[in-house]
N, C-alpha and C. Protein backbone atom coordinates (compact mmCIF):
# COMPACT_ATOMS: atom_id res chain seq x y z
N UNK A 1 0.85 -1.18 0.00
CA UNK A 1 0.00 0.00 0.00
C UNK A 1 0.89 1.23 0.00
N UNK A 2 0.48 2.23 -0.77
CA UNK A 2 1.16 3.52 -0.71
C UNK A 2 0.13 4.62 -0.46
N UNK A 3 0.61 5.79 -0.18
CA UNK A 3 -0.28 6.90 0.20
C UNK A 3 -1.25 7.27 -0.93
N UNK A 4 -0.80 7.17 -2.17
CA UNK A 4 -1.66 7.52 -3.29
C UNK A 4 -2.85 6.56 -3.39
N UNK A 5 -2.59 5.27 -3.22
CA UNK A 5 -3.67 4.27 -3.24
C UNK A 5 -4.64 4.50 -2.08
N UNK A 6 -4.09 4.79 -0.92
CA UNK A 6 -4.90 5.06 0.27
C UNK A 6 -5.83 6.24 0.02
N UNK A 7 -5.30 7.30 -0.54
CA UNK A 7 -6.09 8.50 -0.84
C UNK A 7 -7.18 8.18 -1.85
N UNK A 8 -6.86 7.44 -2.90
CA UNK A 8 -7.85 7.09 -3.93
C UNK A 8 -9.00 6.28 -3.32
N UNK A 9 -8.70 5.38 -2.42
CA UNK A 9 -9.75 4.59 -1.77
C UNK A 9 -10.67 5.49 -0.93
N UNK A 10 -10.09 6.43 -0.23
CA UNK A 10 -10.90 7.36 0.57
C UNK A 10 -11.77 8.20 -0.34
N UNK A 11 -11.19 8.76 -1.38
CA UNK A 11 -11.97 9.60 -2.30
C UNK A 11 -13.09 8.81 -2.96
N UNK A 12 -12.84 7.57 -3.31
CA UNK A 12 -13.87 6.73 -3.93
C UNK A 12 -15.02 6.44 -2.96
N UNK A 13 -14.70 6.31 -1.68
CA UNK A 13 -15.71 5.99 -0.67
C UNK A 13 -16.64 7.18 -0.42
N UNK A 14 -16.12 8.38 -0.55
CA UNK A 14 -16.91 9.59 -0.30
C UNK A 14 -17.27 10.21 -1.65
N UNK A 15 -18.39 9.78 -2.20
CA UNK A 15 -18.77 10.18 -3.56
C UNK A 15 -19.02 11.68 -3.69
N UNK A 16 -19.33 12.36 -2.60
CA UNK A 16 -19.56 13.80 -2.69
C UNK A 16 -18.26 14.60 -2.64
N UNK A 17 -17.14 13.92 -2.49
CA UNK A 17 -15.84 14.59 -2.44
C UNK A 17 -15.27 14.71 -3.85
N UNK A 18 -14.76 15.88 -4.16
CA UNK A 18 -14.12 16.09 -5.45
C UNK A 18 -12.86 15.22 -5.53
N UNK A 19 -12.76 14.45 -6.62
CA UNK A 19 -11.60 13.58 -6.82
C UNK A 19 -10.34 14.42 -7.00
N UNK A 20 -9.26 13.99 -6.39
CA UNK A 20 -7.98 14.68 -6.51
C UNK A 20 -7.77 15.80 -5.51
N UNK A 21 -8.74 16.02 -4.64
CA UNK A 21 -8.63 17.12 -3.68
C UNK A 21 -7.76 16.75 -2.48
N UNK A 22 -7.77 15.47 -2.09
CA UNK A 22 -6.99 15.04 -0.93
C UNK A 22 -5.51 14.94 -1.26
N UNK A 23 -4.71 15.39 -0.34
CA UNK A 23 -3.26 15.26 -0.41
C UNK A 23 -2.81 14.63 0.91
N UNK A 24 -1.60 14.17 0.96
CA UNK A 24 -1.14 13.52 2.18
C UNK A 24 -1.17 14.46 3.38
N UNK A 25 -0.96 15.76 3.13
CA UNK A 25 -0.96 16.72 4.24
C UNK A 25 -2.31 17.40 4.47
N UNK A 26 -3.36 16.93 3.76
CA UNK A 26 -4.70 17.49 3.95
C UNK A 26 -5.20 17.16 5.36
N UNK A 27 -5.80 18.13 5.99
CA UNK A 27 -6.45 17.92 7.28
C UNK A 27 -7.83 17.38 6.98
N UNK A 28 -8.01 16.07 7.21
CA UNK A 28 -9.20 15.39 6.71
C UNK A 28 -10.50 15.94 7.28
N UNK A 29 -10.50 16.43 8.50
CA UNK A 29 -11.73 16.98 9.08
C UNK A 29 -12.21 18.22 8.34
N UNK A 30 -11.29 18.97 7.75
CA UNK A 30 -11.65 20.18 7.02
C UNK A 30 -12.12 19.86 5.60
N UNK A 31 -11.56 18.84 5.01
CA UNK A 31 -11.85 18.52 3.61
C UNK A 31 -13.10 17.66 3.47
N UNK A 32 -13.40 16.85 4.46
CA UNK A 32 -14.42 15.82 4.33
C UNK A 32 -15.75 16.16 4.99
N UNK A 33 -16.06 17.42 5.28
CA UNK A 33 -17.30 17.73 6.00
C UNK A 33 -17.47 16.79 7.18
N UNK A 34 -16.52 16.82 8.07
CA UNK A 34 -16.39 15.83 9.14
C UNK A 34 -17.60 15.79 10.05
N UNK A 35 -18.12 14.59 10.26
CA UNK A 35 -19.20 14.34 11.22
C UNK A 35 -19.11 12.88 11.63
N UNK A 36 -19.98 12.47 12.52
CA UNK A 36 -19.89 11.10 13.05
C UNK A 36 -20.16 10.05 11.97
N UNK A 37 -21.02 10.34 11.04
CA UNK A 37 -21.30 9.39 9.95
C UNK A 37 -20.05 9.20 9.10
N UNK A 38 -19.36 10.28 8.75
CA UNK A 38 -18.14 10.15 7.96
C UNK A 38 -17.05 9.42 8.73
N UNK A 39 -17.01 9.62 10.03
CA UNK A 39 -16.04 8.88 10.85
C UNK A 39 -16.32 7.38 10.76
N UNK A 40 -17.59 6.99 10.86
CA UNK A 40 -17.94 5.58 10.76
C UNK A 40 -17.64 5.01 9.37
N UNK A 41 -17.88 5.80 8.34
CA UNK A 41 -17.57 5.36 6.98
C UNK A 41 -16.07 5.12 6.84
N UNK A 42 -15.27 6.03 7.35
CA UNK A 42 -13.82 5.87 7.26
C UNK A 42 -13.34 4.66 8.07
N UNK A 43 -13.90 4.47 9.25
CA UNK A 43 -13.54 3.32 10.08
C UNK A 43 -13.90 2.02 9.34
N UNK A 44 -15.08 1.98 8.72
CA UNK A 44 -15.51 0.79 7.98
C UNK A 44 -14.63 0.55 6.76
N UNK A 45 -14.27 1.61 6.06
CA UNK A 45 -13.40 1.48 4.89
C UNK A 45 -12.07 0.86 5.27
N UNK A 46 -11.45 1.37 6.31
CA UNK A 46 -10.15 0.87 6.74
C UNK A 46 -10.26 -0.58 7.21
N UNK A 47 -11.33 -0.91 7.90
CA UNK A 47 -11.54 -2.29 8.35
C UNK A 47 -11.70 -3.22 7.15
N UNK A 48 -12.52 -2.83 6.19
CA UNK A 48 -12.79 -3.67 5.03
C UNK A 48 -11.57 -3.83 4.12
N UNK A 49 -10.91 -2.72 3.83
CA UNK A 49 -9.81 -2.73 2.86
C UNK A 49 -8.50 -3.25 3.45
N UNK A 50 -8.25 -2.95 4.72
CA UNK A 50 -6.93 -3.23 5.30
C UNK A 50 -6.98 -4.15 6.51
N UNK A 51 -8.18 -4.55 6.93
CA UNK A 51 -8.35 -5.40 8.10
C UNK A 51 -7.69 -4.78 9.34
N UNK A 52 -7.89 -3.47 9.47
CA UNK A 52 -7.34 -2.69 10.58
C UNK A 52 -8.51 -1.99 11.27
N UNK A 53 -8.55 -2.08 12.57
CA UNK A 53 -9.59 -1.42 13.35
C UNK A 53 -9.09 -0.07 13.84
N UNK A 54 -9.80 0.98 13.44
CA UNK A 54 -9.53 2.32 13.96
C UNK A 54 -10.60 2.65 14.99
N UNK A 55 -10.21 3.36 16.01
CA UNK A 55 -11.15 3.79 17.04
C UNK A 55 -11.41 5.29 16.90
N UNK A 56 -12.40 5.74 17.62
CA UNK A 56 -12.67 7.18 17.65
C UNK A 56 -11.46 7.93 18.22
N UNK A 57 -10.79 7.34 19.19
CA UNK A 57 -9.58 7.96 19.75
C UNK A 57 -8.48 8.06 18.70
N UNK A 58 -8.36 7.04 17.84
CA UNK A 58 -7.38 7.09 16.76
C UNK A 58 -7.67 8.26 15.83
N UNK A 59 -8.94 8.45 15.51
CA UNK A 59 -9.30 9.55 14.61
C UNK A 59 -9.06 10.90 15.28
N UNK A 60 -9.38 10.99 16.55
CA UNK A 60 -9.14 12.26 17.27
C UNK A 60 -7.65 12.58 17.35
N UNK A 61 -6.82 11.56 17.44
CA UNK A 61 -5.38 11.76 17.56
C UNK A 61 -4.71 12.05 16.22
N UNK A 62 -5.43 11.86 15.14
CA UNK A 62 -4.88 12.08 13.80
C UNK A 62 -5.40 13.40 13.24
N UNK A 63 -4.56 14.07 12.49
CA UNK A 63 -4.98 15.32 11.87
C UNK A 63 -5.02 15.23 10.35
N UNK A 64 -3.99 14.63 9.78
CA UNK A 64 -3.86 14.63 8.33
C UNK A 64 -4.12 13.24 7.76
N UNK A 65 -4.28 13.20 6.46
CA UNK A 65 -4.40 11.93 5.76
C UNK A 65 -3.15 11.10 6.00
N UNK A 66 -2.01 11.73 6.01
CA UNK A 66 -0.75 11.02 6.26
C UNK A 66 -0.73 10.39 7.66
N UNK A 67 -1.27 11.10 8.65
CA UNK A 67 -1.37 10.53 9.99
C UNK A 67 -2.18 9.24 9.96
N UNK A 68 -3.32 9.27 9.28
CA UNK A 68 -4.17 8.08 9.17
C UNK A 68 -3.44 6.96 8.43
N UNK A 69 -2.80 7.31 7.33
CA UNK A 69 -2.06 6.34 6.54
C UNK A 69 -0.99 5.65 7.39
N UNK A 70 -0.21 6.43 8.11
CA UNK A 70 0.85 5.86 8.95
C UNK A 70 0.27 4.97 10.05
N UNK A 71 -0.84 5.37 10.62
CA UNK A 71 -1.48 4.57 11.65
C UNK A 71 -1.95 3.22 11.08
N UNK A 72 -2.63 3.28 9.95
CA UNK A 72 -3.11 2.05 9.31
C UNK A 72 -1.93 1.17 8.94
N UNK A 73 -0.92 1.75 8.32
CA UNK A 73 0.24 0.98 7.90
C UNK A 73 0.93 0.31 9.09
N UNK A 74 0.98 0.99 10.22
CA UNK A 74 1.63 0.43 11.40
C UNK A 74 0.86 -0.76 11.98
N UNK A 75 -0.42 -0.87 11.64
CA UNK A 75 -1.25 -1.95 12.20
C UNK A 75 -1.52 -3.09 11.22
N UNK A 76 -1.05 -2.95 10.00
CA UNK A 76 -1.25 -4.03 9.03
C UNK A 76 -0.36 -5.20 9.43
N UNK A 77 -1.00 -6.37 9.54
CA UNK A 77 -0.24 -7.54 9.96
C UNK A 77 0.33 -8.32 8.81
């Protein structure tokens, strides 16, 4: 997995998001109209695609797409 693939999967999951808008340094809460539903969608995406469980605390501790990517990558078995 690389950051570009990770970003494409996120953009594909959020159909209302303009494709190509996310960058590794994007603050995802600002770009994704952040709310609890989007948090659950992101948690489900990561679980389905990477078999990694993210918690609400993980999301709160992360700011950028790169933070999320590094967290997921660190938990891939």
